[in-house]
Amino acid sequence: MLLFNEGCGAGEQLAAESARIRALLSDMERILEGVLPETLVSEEPPLLDRWLLGNVLTPALVGLSTGHPALPGTNRPIATSQVFLMSADMSWARTLSRWYRLGRPAERSGLDA
């Protein structure tokens, strides 16, 4: 997750992550066009041997949602997709799926307050 300050230019870290995501999106679009992975690489890719598919933790938000386009209701408990951006003042967050306005943070005891 990257922090940003509203009204300020993008920092180096934000610019680098943006470039990585654009490259991924470009590869996804080429795969949809039927291009084979071996034609997408510009240099010899590393070999990953004895691999397995694992799970890694990624930052996400959990909270009470109101006005979500796909999860209707008021104060509906949800977990978001991966968080990529959060304003330094913690009033905005951008997940993989959408922007969220952030209200009050939860108490450490949970969402029942």
Protein backbone atom coordinates (compact mmCIF):
# COMPACT_ATOMS: atom_id res chain seq x y z
CA MET A 1 0.00 0.00 0.00
CA LEU A 2 1.29 3.45 -0.88
CA LEU A 3 0.51 6.63 1.02
CA PHE A 4 -0.16 9.84 -0.90
CA ASN A 5 -0.73 13.46 0.05
CA GLU A 6 -3.69 15.14 -1.59
CA GLY A 7 -2.71 18.03 -3.87
CA CYS A 8 0.94 16.97 -4.13
CA GLY A 9 2.74 15.48 -7.08
CA ALA A 10 3.37 11.75 -7.23
CA GLY A 11 6.41 10.49 -5.40
CA GLU A 12 9.02 8.15 -6.83
CA GLN A 13 7.52 5.09 -5.14
CA LEU A 14 4.04 5.86 -6.50
CA ALA A 15 5.45 6.42 -10.00
CA ALA A 16 7.39 3.14 -9.91
CA GLU A 17 4.35 1.13 -8.74
CA SER A 18 2.19 2.80 -11.39
CA ALA A 19 4.68 1.72 -14.08
CA ARG A 20 4.65 -1.87 -12.76
CA ILE A 21 0.84 -2.00 -12.84
CA ARG A 22 0.73 -0.52 -16.37
CA ALA A 23 3.20 -3.21 -17.52
CA LEU A 24 1.03 -5.94 -15.96
CA LEU A 25 -2.09 -4.50 -17.61
CA SER A 26 -0.31 -4.39 -20.96
CA ASP A 27 0.67 -8.06 -20.63
CA MET A 28 -2.90 -8.99 -19.65
CA GLU A 29 -4.27 -7.20 -22.73
CA ARG A 30 -1.75 -8.95 -25.00
CA ILE A 31 -2.67 -12.37 -23.53
CA LEU A 32 -6.34 -11.58 -24.27
CA GLU A 33 -5.27 -10.91 -27.87
CA GLY A 34 -3.76 -14.40 -28.04
CA VAL A 35 -0.10 -13.41 -27.75
CA LEU A 36 2.01 -16.13 -26.15
CA PRO A 37 3.99 -15.35 -22.98
CA GLU A 38 7.34 -16.26 -24.59
CA THR A 39 6.87 -13.41 -27.08
CA LEU A 40 6.14 -10.88 -24.31
CA VAL A 41 9.48 -11.17 -22.50
CA SER A 42 12.33 -8.94 -23.66
CA GLU A 43 15.10 -10.90 -21.92
CA GLU A 44 15.60 -14.43 -20.64
CA PRO A 45 13.14 -14.79 -17.73
CA PRO A 46 14.26 -16.44 -14.50
CA LEU A 47 13.35 -20.07 -13.94
CA LEU A 48 11.36 -20.87 -10.80
CA ASP A 49 11.98 -24.50 -9.93
CA ARG A 50 10.26 -26.71 -7.33
CA TRP A 51 7.55 -24.07 -7.03
CA LEU A 52 4.16 -24.18 -5.41
CA LEU A 53 1.28 -21.77 -5.26
CA GLY A 54 1.24 -19.95 -1.93
CA ASN A 55 -0.85 -17.27 -0.28
CA VAL A 56 0.56 -13.97 0.93
CA LEU A 57 -1.13 -11.40 3.09
CA THR A 58 -2.01 -8.14 1.39
CA PRO A 59 -3.40 -5.00 2.97
CA ALA A 60 -7.18 -4.73 2.81
CA LEU A 61 -9.81 -2.76 4.68
CA VAL A 62 -12.63 -4.19 6.74
CA GLY A 63 -15.46 -2.05 7.95
CA LEU A 64 -19.10 -1.09 7.70
CA SER A 65 -20.04 -0.08 4.17
CA THR A 66 -22.87 2.21 3.10
CA GLY A 67 -23.55 2.96 -0.57
CA HIS A 68 -21.40 0.22 -2.09
CA PRO A 69 -22.53 -0.42 -5.69
CA ALA A 70 -22.20 -4.22 -5.50
CA LEU A 71 -22.86 -4.78 -1.78
CA PRO A 72 -26.02 -2.83 -0.97
CA GLY A 73 -27.13 -1.89 2.49
CA THR A 74 -26.31 0.42 5.36
CA ASN A 75 -23.47 -0.41 7.73
CA ARG A 76 -22.92 -3.73 5.94
CA PRO A 77 -19.76 -5.54 7.13
CA ILE A 78 -17.34 -6.00 4.22
CA ALA A 79 -13.70 -6.71 3.44
CA THR A 80 -12.25 -4.84 0.48
CA SER A 81 -9.94 -6.03 -2.23
CA GLN A 82 -6.25 -5.19 -1.89
CA VAL A 83 -5.51 -1.60 -0.84
CA PHE A 84 -3.05 0.17 -3.15
CA LEU A 85 -3.32 3.82 -2.10
CA MET A 86 -4.28 5.64 1.09
CA SER A 87 -4.22 9.39 1.68
CA ALA A 88 -1.81 10.45 4.42
CA ASP A 89 -4.73 11.92 6.39
CA MET A 90 -6.50 8.52 6.15
CA SER A 91 -9.62 10.00 4.54
CA TRP A 92 -9.38 8.18 1.17
CA ALA A 93 -8.30 4.70 0.04
CA ARG A 94 -8.00 3.14 -3.42
CA THR A 95 -8.40 -0.62 -3.59
CA LEU A 96 -7.97 -2.78 -6.64
CA SER A 97 -11.70 -2.35 -7.29
CA ARG A 98 -12.62 1.21 -6.34
CA TRP A 99 -12.13 4.34 -4.23
CA TYR A 100 -13.49 4.50 -0.67
CA ARG A 101 -14.16 7.51 1.52
CA LEU A 102 -12.97 6.60 4.99
CA GLY A 103 -14.98 7.49 8.05
CA ARG A 104 -14.02 6.83 11.65
CA PRO A 105 -11.41 4.14 12.27
CA ALA A 106 -12.63 1.17 14.34
CA GLU A 107 -11.63 0.68 17.91
CA ARG A 108 -9.20 -2.17 18.35
CA SER A 109 -12.02 -4.15 19.95
CA GLY A 110 -13.90 -4.38 16.63
CA LEU A 111 -16.66 -2.83 14.57
CA ASP A 112 -19.48 -2.95 17.13
CA ALA A 113 -18.93 0.61 18.46
